[in-house]
């Protein structure tokens, strides 16, 4: 009985302090208990929405580039190349010069054209590139990477073939730094016993 008497004064004291406040307080837990029910219904509706979104993502992805245009960057060693690919006849403009003028070496020319040949579009695009930094070999590798990335932006279906050929892998090899006490990165001065 003591516990009952203790409970009764608590209920009586709360209405005496503020009757409207106590009534609202007692009703609030009821509303709160109802609110989680509404909240539990809301996530069910929300969980249905991502399912619809994931279904739309499963559809073939359209090309991100508008009208077949794409801009990408390629890097190799110290070379950085910015490329713009535009539908055209297969012409190259590298710092305002043609491919043969900028890269007279046939090996470099073949290296650069490899991504286009692989996807069977060697004469489908004009390529405008801004090359700087590094040497001839580094710039050729950077240009190949940039062209491969641009082809993916134009048509995402080309990605598996380019990836398998290794044209999308950025070659991370770079010159090793010279160490203190050595002549180069690893070459040491001649050892002298006396």
C-alpha atoms as a PDB file:
ATOM      1  CA  UNK A   1       0.000   0.000   0.000  1.00  0.00           C
ATOM      2  CA  UNK A   2       2.843   2.324   0.597  1.00  0.00           C
ATOM      3  CA  UNK A   3       3.851   2.098  -3.042  1.00  0.00           C
ATOM      4  CA  UNK A   4       0.265   2.896  -4.114  1.00  0.00           C
ATOM      5  CA  UNK A   5       0.107   5.886  -1.807  1.00  0.00           C
ATOM      6  CA  UNK A   6       3.452   7.025  -3.163  1.00  0.00           C
ATOM      7  CA  UNK A   7       2.240   6.778  -6.747  1.00  0.00           C
ATOM      8  CA  UNK A   8      -0.990   8.649  -6.056  1.00  0.00           C
ATOM      9  CA  UNK A   9       0.645  11.792  -4.625  1.00  0.00           C
ATOM     10  CA  UNK A  10       2.950  11.928  -7.663  1.00  0.00           C
ATOM     11  CA  UNK A  11      -0.010  11.888 -10.016  1.00  0.00           C
ATOM     12  CA  UNK A  12      -1.912  14.380  -7.846  1.00  0.00           C
ATOM     13  CA  UNK A  13       1.086  16.686  -7.388  1.00  0.00           C
ATOM     14  CA  UNK A  14       1.774  16.991 -11.096  1.00  0.00           C
ATOM     15  CA  UNK A  15      -1.753  18.258 -11.941  1.00  0.00           C
ATOM     16  CA  UNK A  16      -1.691  20.639  -8.983  1.00  0.00           C
ATOM     17  CA  UNK A  17       1.561  22.239 -10.125  1.00  0.00           C
ATOM     18  CA  UNK A  18       0.304  22.809 -13.641  1.00  0.00           C
ATOM     19  CA  UNK A  19      -2.828  21.010 -14.621  1.00  0.00           C
ATOM     20  CA  UNK A  20      -2.558  21.757 -18.310  1.00  0.00           C
ATOM     21  CA  UNK A  21       1.177  20.948 -18.270  1.00  0.00           C
ATOM     22  CA  UNK A  22       0.616  17.605 -16.539  1.00  0.00           C
ATOM     23  CA  UNK A  23      -2.121  16.655 -18.947  1.00  0.00           C
ATOM     24  CA  UNK A  24       0.022  17.604 -21.911  1.00  0.00           C
ATOM     25  CA  UNK A  25       2.952  15.722 -20.413  1.00  0.00           C
ATOM     26  CA  UNK A  26       0.886  12.592 -19.948  1.00  0.00           C
ATOM     27  CA  UNK A  27      -0.423  12.860 -23.480  1.00  0.00           C
ATOM     28  CA  UNK A  28       3.034  13.500 -24.915  1.00  0.00           C
ATOM     29  CA  UNK A  29       4.340   9.991 -24.148  1.00  0.00           C
ATOM     30  CA  UNK A  30       1.303   8.593 -25.913  1.00  0.00           C
ATOM     31  CA  UNK A  31       2.075  10.746 -28.945  1.00  0.00           C
ATOM     32  CA  UNK A  32       5.727   9.740 -28.691  1.00  0.00           C
ATOM     33  CA  UNK A  33       4.789   6.083 -28.637  1.00  0.00           C
ATOM     34  CA  UNK A  34       2.657   6.669 -31.702  1.00  0.00           C
ATOM     35  CA  UNK A  35       5.430   8.617 -33.431  1.00  0.00           C
ATOM     36  CA  UNK A  36       7.876   5.650 -33.631  1.00  0.00           C
ATOM     37  CA  UNK A  37       5.118   3.658 -35.292  1.00  0.00           C
ATOM     38  CA  UNK A  38       4.792   6.382 -37.921  1.00  0.00           C
ATOM     39  CA  UNK A  39       8.595   6.563 -38.129  1.00  0.00           C
ATOM     40  CA  UNK A  40       8.848   2.809 -38.606  1.00  0.00           C
ATOM     41  CA  UNK A  41       6.391   3.112 -41.466  1.00  0.00           C
ATOM     42  CA  UNK A  42       8.390   5.953 -43.028  1.00  0.00           C
ATOM     43  CA  UNK A  43      11.672   3.956 -43.381  1.00  0.00           C
ATOM     44  CA  UNK A  44       9.710   1.226 -45.130  1.00  0.00           C
ATOM     45  CA  UNK A  45       8.624   3.781 -47.698  1.00  0.00           C
ATOM     46  CA  UNK A  46      12.144   5.215 -47.797  1.00  0.00           C
ATOM     47  CA  UNK A  47      13.713   1.770 -48.261  1.00  0.00           C
ATOM     48  CA  UNK A  48      11.524   1.246 -51.317  1.00  0.00           C
ATOM     49  CA  UNK A  49      12.874   4.419 -52.930  1.00  0.00           C
ATOM     50  CA  UNK A  50      16.582   3.309 -53.067  1.00  0.00           C
ATOM     51  CA  UNK A  51      15.462   0.010 -54.589  1.00  0.00           C
ATOM     52  CA  UNK A  52      13.898   1.935 -57.460  1.00  0.00           C
ATOM     53  CA  UNK A  53      17.075   4.021 -57.727  1.00  0.00           C
ATOM     54  CA  UNK A  54      19.305   0.942 -57.820  1.00  0.00           C
ATOM     55  CA  UNK A  55      17.117  -0.545 -60.547  1.00  0.00           C
ATOM     56  CA  UNK A  56      17.564   2.575 -62.672  1.00  0.00           C
ATOM     57  CA  UNK A  57      21.354   2.420 -62.053  1.00  0.00           C
ATOM     58  CA  UNK A  58      21.412  -1.136 -63.441  1.00  0.00           C
ATOM     59  CA  UNK A  59      20.300   0.185 -66.828  1.00  0.00           C
ATOM     60  CA  UNK A  60      23.051   0.932 -69.377  1.00  0.00           C
ATOM     61  CA  UNK A  61      24.830   4.134 -68.470  1.00  0.00           C
ATOM     62  CA  UNK A  62      24.634   6.826 -71.144  1.00  0.00           C
ATOM     63  CA  UNK A  63      27.811   8.634 -72.138  1.00  0.00           C
ATOM     64  CA  UNK A  64      28.653  11.548 -69.865  1.00  0.00           C
ATOM     65  CA  UNK A  65      30.168  13.611 -72.643  1.00  0.00           C
ATOM     66  CA  UNK A  66      27.749  15.789 -74.555  1.00  0.00           C
ATOM     67  CA  UNK A  67      27.929  15.218 -78.301  1.00  0.00           C
ATOM     68  CA  UNK A  68      30.987  12.962 -78.066  1.00  0.00           C
ATOM     69  CA  UNK A  69      33.245  15.679 -76.593  1.00  0.00           C
ATOM     70  CA  UNK A  70      35.455  14.852 -73.622  1.00  0.00           C
ATOM     71  CA  UNK A  71      38.235  16.520 -71.646  1.00  0.00           C
ATOM     72  CA  UNK A  72      40.688  14.515 -69.558  1.00  0.00           C
ATOM     73  CA  UNK A  73      44.151  14.622 -68.030  1.00  0.00           C
ATOM     74  CA  UNK A  74      46.950  12.071 -68.350  1.00  0.00           C
ATOM     75  CA  UNK A  75      50.201  11.897 -66.383  1.00  0.00           C
ATOM     76  CA  UNK A  76      53.439   9.937 -66.734  1.00  0.00           C
ATOM     77  CA  UNK A  77      56.733  10.623 -64.923  1.00  0.00           C
ATOM     78  CA  UNK A  78      56.886  14.430 -64.830  1.00  0.00           C
ATOM     79  CA  UNK A  79      54.675  14.958 -67.902  1.00  0.00           C
ATOM     80  CA  UNK A  80      51.120  16.297 -67.705  1.00  0.00           C
ATOM     81  CA  UNK A  81      48.809  16.257 -70.728  1.00  0.00           C
ATOM     82  CA  UNK A  82      45.361  17.830 -71.029  1.00  0.00           C
ATOM     83  CA  UNK A  83      43.314  16.389 -73.880  1.00  0.00           C
ATOM     84  CA  UNK A  84      40.089  17.437 -75.602  1.00  0.00           C
ATOM     85  CA  UNK A  85      38.488  14.821 -77.857  1.00  0.00           C
ATOM     86  CA  UNK A  86      36.008  16.032 -80.474  1.00  0.00           C
ATOM     87  CA  UNK A  87      34.225  14.054 -83.223  1.00  0.00           C
ATOM     88  CA  UNK A  88      36.196  14.534 -86.418  1.00  0.00           C
ATOM     89  CA  UNK A  89      38.542  12.931 -88.928  1.00  0.00           C
ATOM     90  CA  UNK A  90      41.428  11.648 -86.760  1.00  0.00           C
ATOM     91  CA  UNK A  91      43.636  14.743 -86.706  1.00  0.00           C
ATOM     92  CA  UNK A  92      46.013  15.525 -83.841  1.00  0.00           C
ATOM     93  CA  UNK A  93      46.906  19.030 -82.641  1.00  0.00           C
ATOM     94  CA  UNK A  94      49.604  18.761 -79.968  1.00  0.00           C
ATOM     95  CA  UNK A  95      50.649  22.219 -78.726  1.00  0.00           C
ATOM     96  CA  UNK A  96      49.604  23.524 -82.164  1.00  0.00           C
ATOM     97  CA  UNK A  97      51.621  20.915 -84.092  1.00  0.00           C
ATOM     98  CA  UNK A  98      50.688  17.660 -85.810  1.00  0.00           C
ATOM     99  CA  UNK A  99      51.425  14.239 -84.331  1.00  0.00           C
ATOM    100  CA  UNK A 100      54.264  13.602 -86.803  1.00  0.00           C
ATOM    101  CA  UNK A 101      55.907  16.951 -86.027  1.00  0.00           C
ATOM    102  CA  UNK A 102      55.647  16.638 -82.262  1.00  0.00           C
ATOM    103  CA  UNK A 103      56.527  12.915 -82.040  1.00  0.00           C
ATOM    104  CA  UNK A 104      58.776  12.028 -85.011  1.00  0.00           C
ATOM    105  CA  UNK A 105      59.491   8.593 -83.503  1.00  0.00           C
ATOM    106  CA  UNK A 106      57.144   5.980 -85.024  1.00  0.00           C
ATOM    107  CA  UNK A 107      57.122   3.975 -81.777  1.00  0.00           C
ATOM    108  CA  UNK A 108      55.692   6.971 -79.890  1.00  0.00           C
ATOM    109  CA  UNK A 109      53.124   7.571 -82.621  1.00  0.00           C
ATOM    110  CA  UNK A 110      51.954   3.961 -82.425  1.00  0.00           C
ATOM    111  CA  UNK A 111      51.860   4.112 -78.616  1.00  0.00           C
ATOM    112  CA  UNK A 112      49.617   7.187 -78.741  1.00  0.00           C
ATOM    113  CA  UNK A 113      47.228   5.735 -81.346  1.00  0.00           C
ATOM    114  CA  UNK A 114      46.873   2.345 -79.590  1.00  0.00           C
ATOM    115  CA  UNK A 115      43.689   3.209 -77.599  1.00  0.00           C
ATOM    116  CA  UNK A 116      41.955   4.527 -80.728  1.00  0.00           C
ATOM    117  CA  UNK A 117      42.954   1.477 -82.764  1.00  0.00           C
ATOM    118  CA  UNK A 118      41.854  -0.906 -80.003  1.00  0.00           C
ATOM    119  CA  UNK A 119      38.295   0.471 -79.917  1.00  0.00           C
ATOM    120  CA  UNK A 120      38.284   0.679 -83.743  1.00  0.00           C
ATOM    121  CA  UNK A 121      37.838   4.464 -83.876  1.00  0.00           C
ATOM    122  CA  UNK A 122      41.165   5.728 -85.301  1.00  0.00           C
ATOM    123  CA  UNK A 123      39.505   8.249 -87.634  1.00  0.00           C
ATOM    124  CA  UNK A 124      36.448   9.117 -85.538  1.00  0.00           C
ATOM    125  CA  UNK A 125      37.893  11.863 -83.313  1.00  0.00           C
ATOM    126  CA  UNK A 126      40.084  14.940 -83.536  1.00  0.00           C
ATOM    127  CA  UNK A 127      42.428  15.241 -80.576  1.00  0.00           C
ATOM    128  CA  UNK A 128      43.626  18.572 -79.203  1.00  0.00           C
ATOM    129  CA  UNK A 129      46.276  18.297 -76.499  1.00  0.00           C
ATOM    130  CA  UNK A 130      48.304  20.609 -74.303  1.00  0.00           C
ATOM    131  CA  UNK A 131      51.517  18.845 -73.248  1.00  0.00           C
ATOM    132  CA  UNK A 132      54.027  20.123 -70.715  1.00  0.00           C
ATOM    133  CA  UNK A 133      56.669  18.774 -68.385  1.00  0.00           C
ATOM    134  CA  UNK A 134      58.837  15.700 -68.643  1.00  0.00           C
ATOM    135  CA  UNK A 135      60.427  14.323 -71.786  1.00  0.00           C
ATOM    136  CA  UNK A 136      59.257  12.833 -75.036  1.00  0.00           C
ATOM    137  CA  UNK A 137      58.630   9.329 -73.675  1.00  0.00           C
ATOM    138  CA  UNK A 138      56.774  10.609 -70.610  1.00  0.00           C
ATOM    139  CA  UNK A 139      54.591  12.884 -72.715  1.00  0.00           C
ATOM    140  CA  UNK A 140      53.741  10.038 -75.096  1.00  0.00           C
ATOM    141  CA  UNK A 141      52.655   7.812 -72.178  1.00  0.00           C
ATOM    142  CA  UNK A 142      50.654  10.638 -70.610  1.00  0.00           C
ATOM    143  CA  UNK A 143      48.914  11.343 -73.910  1.00  0.00           C
ATOM    144  CA  UNK A 144      47.959   7.674 -74.322  1.00  0.00           C
ATOM    145  CA  UNK A 145      46.409   7.608 -70.832  1.00  0.00           C
ATOM    146  CA  UNK A 146      44.497  10.848 -71.464  1.00  0.00           C
ATOM    147  CA  UNK A 147      43.117   9.577 -74.779  1.00  0.00           C
ATOM    148  CA  UNK A 148      42.002   6.297 -73.192  1.00  0.00           C
ATOM    149  CA  UNK A 149      40.231   8.159 -70.391  1.00  0.00           C
ATOM    150  CA  UNK A 150      38.525  10.447 -72.902  1.00  0.00           C
ATOM    151  CA  UNK A 151      37.276   7.482 -74.943  1.00  0.00           C
ATOM    152  CA  UNK A 152      35.581   6.109 -71.825  1.00  0.00           C
ATOM    153  CA  UNK A 153      33.819   9.421 -71.218  1.00  0.00           C
ATOM    154  CA  UNK A 154      32.556   9.397 -74.793  1.00  0.00           C
ATOM    155  CA  UNK A 155      31.430   5.747 -74.734  1.00  0.00           C
ATOM    156  CA  UNK A 156      31.428   3.775 -71.460  1.00  0.00           C
ATOM    157  CA  UNK A 157      31.137   0.470 -73.371  1.00  0.00           C
ATOM    158  CA  UNK A 158      34.813   0.763 -74.403  1.00  0.00           C
ATOM    159  CA  UNK A 159      36.038   0.526 -70.810  1.00  0.00           C
ATOM    160  CA  UNK A 160      36.486  -3.294 -70.523  1.00  0.00           C
ATOM    161  CA  UNK A 161      38.655  -3.508 -73.648  1.00  0.00           C
ATOM    162  CA  UNK A 162      40.801  -0.517 -72.647  1.00  0.00           C
ATOM    163  CA  UNK A 163      41.151  -1.792 -69.082  1.00  0.00           C
ATOM    164  CA  UNK A 164      42.191  -5.272 -70.231  1.00  0.00           C
ATOM    165  CA  UNK A 165      44.834  -3.784 -72.542  1.00  0.00           C
ATOM    166  CA  UNK A 166      46.235  -1.773 -69.605  1.00  0.00           C
ATOM    167  CA  UNK A 167      45.612   1.650 -71.120  1.00  0.00           C
ATOM    168  CA  UNK A 168      43.724   2.947 -68.068  1.00  0.00           C
ATOM    169  CA  UNK A 169      46.476   2.161 -65.561  1.00  0.00           C
ATOM    170  CA  UNK A 170      48.495   5.193 -64.562  1.00  0.00           C
ATOM    171  CA  UNK A 171      52.172   4.184 -64.659  1.00  0.00           C
ATOM    172  CA  UNK A 172      53.331   5.297 -61.206  1.00  0.00           C
ATOM    173  CA  UNK A 173      57.035   4.749 -61.829  1.00  0.00           C
ATOM    174  CA  UNK A 174      59.024   7.934 -61.369  1.00  0.00           C
ATOM    175  CA  UNK A 175      62.651   8.933 -60.894  1.00  0.00           C
ATOM    176  CA  UNK A 176      64.008   7.876 -57.524  1.00  0.00           C
ATOM    177  CA  UNK A 177      65.458  10.730 -55.478  1.00  0.00           C
ATOM    178  CA  UNK A 178      69.162  11.156 -54.908  1.00  0.00           C
ATOM    179  CA  UNK A 179      70.313  10.188 -51.415  1.00  0.00           C
ATOM    180  CA  UNK A 180      72.747  12.061 -49.200  1.00  0.00           C
ATOM    181  CA  UNK A 181      76.272  10.650 -49.409  1.00  0.00           C
ATOM    182  CA  UNK A 182      75.621   8.948 -52.753  1.00  0.00           C
ATOM    183  CA  UNK A 183      76.382  10.161 -56.251  1.00  0.00           C
ATOM    184  CA  UNK A 184      72.913   9.294 -57.603  1.00  0.00           C
ATOM    185  CA  UNK A 185      69.873   7.488 -56.181  1.00  0.00           C
ATOM    186  CA  UNK A 186      71.898   4.323 -55.502  1.00  0.00           C
ATOM    187  CA  UNK A 187      75.385   4.808 -56.938  1.00  0.00           C
ATOM    188  CA  UNK A 188      77.929   5.123 -54.116  1.00  0.00           C
ATOM    189  CA  UNK A 189      81.390   6.662 -54.311  1.00  0.00           C
ATOM    190  CA  UNK A 190      84.216   4.199 -54.931  1.00  0.00           C
ATOM    191  CA  UNK A 191      85.242   2.352 -51.799  1.00  0.00           C
ATOM    192  CA  UNK A 192      88.815   2.930 -50.712  1.00  0.00           C
ATOM    193  CA  UNK A 193      90.316   0.710 -48.027  1.00  0.00           C
ATOM    194  CA  UNK A 194      93.245   3.085 -47.242  1.00  0.00           C
END
